[in-house]
Amino acid sequence: MKITHNKVGQNLNLVDTGKADQAMKTKGPSSSTGASALKELQAETGNISSSVDVSPRAMEAKKMKDIAMATPDVDEAKVAKFRQMIDAGTYRVDAKAVADRMVDEQLKFGEE
């Protein structure tokens, strides 16, 4: 697969997969590992490196995601309590109360 830049003709894919396959076939798996084959290909291509600039907005979005992922959404103690009640057969669901709350929430969202 080739990844190209916005400008036509500029190829950002520095390692040609055909060369990698050919290098692995000619060297054989016993004489060259994948890492050493990659080093050889980097030497052939001039070992060009590139950098990426990330916008402040993207960095802020990453921070928000990290914060959101750090806080657990699940109360483990509550889950354990209900799991124990279900296993013991003592957990009962009040179907009328659930239905009433569903209707109330639907009416509440309908008003907005």
Protein backbone atom coordinates (compact mmCIF):
# COMPACT_ATOMS: atom_id res chain seq x y z
CA MET A 1 0.00 0.00 0.00
CA LYS A 2 1.33 3.42 -0.87
CA ILE A 3 0.62 6.53 1.14
CA THR A 4 0.97 9.72 -0.81
CA HIS A 5 1.14 13.33 0.23
CA ASN A 6 -1.33 15.97 -0.96
CA LYS A 7 1.07 16.90 -3.74
CA VAL A 8 0.92 14.56 -6.70
CA GLY A 9 4.00 12.41 -7.18
CA GLN A 10 5.50 12.77 -3.71
CA ASN A 11 5.64 9.32 -2.20
CA LEU A 12 5.91 9.16 1.58
CA ASN A 13 6.22 5.38 1.64
CA LEU A 14 10.00 5.11 2.00
CA VAL A 15 10.18 1.32 2.13
CA ASP A 16 8.98 -0.47 -0.97
CA THR A 17 7.26 -3.69 0.06
CA GLY A 18 8.58 -5.44 -3.04
CA LYS A 19 12.14 -4.72 -1.92
CA ALA A 20 11.40 -6.00 1.57
CA ASP A 21 9.94 -9.23 0.18
CA GLN A 22 12.86 -9.62 -2.21
CA ALA A 23 15.40 -8.99 0.54
CA MET A 24 13.80 -11.60 2.77
CA LYS A 25 13.74 -14.15 -0.07
CA THR A 26 17.34 -13.62 -1.12
CA LYS A 27 18.77 -13.56 2.39
CA GLY A 28 16.59 -16.34 3.72
CA PRO A 29 14.98 -16.36 7.13
CA SER A 30 17.94 -18.06 8.81
CA SER A 31 20.59 -15.54 7.73
CA SER A 32 18.65 -12.30 8.30
CA THR A 33 15.96 -11.30 10.72
CA GLY A 34 13.19 -8.86 9.87
CA ALA A 35 14.89 -6.11 11.90
CA SER A 36 18.20 -6.46 10.09
CA ALA A 37 16.42 -6.55 6.71
CA LEU A 38 14.68 -3.31 7.65
CA LYS A 39 18.04 -1.75 8.60
CA GLU A 40 19.45 -2.78 5.22
CA LEU A 41 16.49 -1.22 3.40
CA GLN A 42 16.84 1.98 5.44
CA ALA A 43 20.50 2.13 4.45
CA GLU A 44 19.51 1.74 0.78
CA THR A 45 16.94 4.55 0.99
CA GLY A 46 19.23 6.91 2.86
CA ASN A 47 17.50 6.43 6.24
CA ILE A 48 15.32 9.51 5.71
CA SER A 49 13.29 10.57 8.72
CA SER A 50 10.30 12.86 8.93
CA SER A 51 8.54 14.76 11.67
CA VAL A 52 4.93 15.53 12.45
CA ASP A 53 3.61 18.74 13.97
CA VAL A 54 0.52 18.27 16.13
CA SER A 55 -1.79 21.23 16.61
CA PRO A 56 -2.53 22.56 20.09
CA ARG A 57 -6.17 21.57 19.56
CA ALA A 58 -5.19 17.96 18.85
CA MET A 59 -2.96 17.87 21.94
CA GLU A 60 -5.86 19.24 24.02
CA ALA A 61 -8.19 16.58 22.60
CA LYS A 62 -5.69 13.88 23.56
CA LYS A 63 -5.46 15.27 27.11
CA MET A 64 -9.27 15.24 27.40
CA LYS A 65 -9.39 11.66 26.16
CA ASP A 66 -6.70 10.59 28.65
CA ILE A 67 -8.61 12.24 31.52
CA ALA A 68 -11.88 10.63 30.45
CA MET A 69 -10.26 7.21 30.19
CA ALA A 70 -8.61 7.58 33.63
CA THR A 71 -11.90 7.95 35.51
CA PRO A 72 -13.79 4.67 35.76
CA ASP A 73 -17.38 4.70 34.52
CA VAL A 74 -18.24 1.60 36.54
CA ASP A 75 -18.77 1.47 40.29
CA GLU A 76 -17.13 -1.89 40.99
CA ALA A 77 -18.56 -2.10 44.52
CA LYS A 78 -22.09 -1.61 43.23
CA VAL A 79 -21.57 -4.21 40.50
CA ALA A 80 -20.27 -6.72 43.05
CA LYS A 81 -23.27 -6.05 45.32
CA PHE A 82 -25.79 -6.63 42.51
CA ARG A 83 -23.90 -9.65 41.21
CA GLN A 84 -24.08 -11.20 44.68
CA MET A 85 -27.82 -10.43 44.92
CA ILE A 86 -28.47 -11.97 41.48
CA ASP A 87 -26.45 -15.09 42.35
CA ALA A 88 -28.35 -15.45 45.62
CA GLY A 89 -31.68 -14.95 43.85
CA THR A 90 -32.66 -11.99 46.01
CA TYR A 91 -32.51 -9.28 43.32
CA ARG A 92 -35.98 -8.29 42.15
CA VAL A 93 -36.86 -5.77 39.46
CA ASP A 94 -39.91 -3.54 39.94
CA ALA A 95 -41.17 -3.52 36.36
CA LYS A 96 -43.74 -0.78 37.07
CA ALA A 97 -41.06 1.55 38.50
CA VAL A 98 -38.79 0.92 35.50
CA ALA A 99 -41.63 1.61 33.05
CA ASP A 100 -42.65 4.79 34.91
CA ARG A 101 -39.09 6.11 34.86
CA MET A 102 -38.73 5.33 31.13
CA VAL A 103 -41.92 7.27 30.38
CA ASP A 104 -40.83 10.18 32.58
CA GLU A 105 -37.44 10.39 30.85
CA GLN A 106 -39.07 10.26 27.42
CA LEU A 107 -41.43 13.10 28.36
CA LYS A 108 -38.49 15.08 29.77
CA PHE A 109 -36.50 14.74 26.52
CA GLY A 110 -39.59 15.59 24.48
CA GLU A 111 -39.90 18.98 26.23
CA GLU A 112 -36.38 20.11 25.30
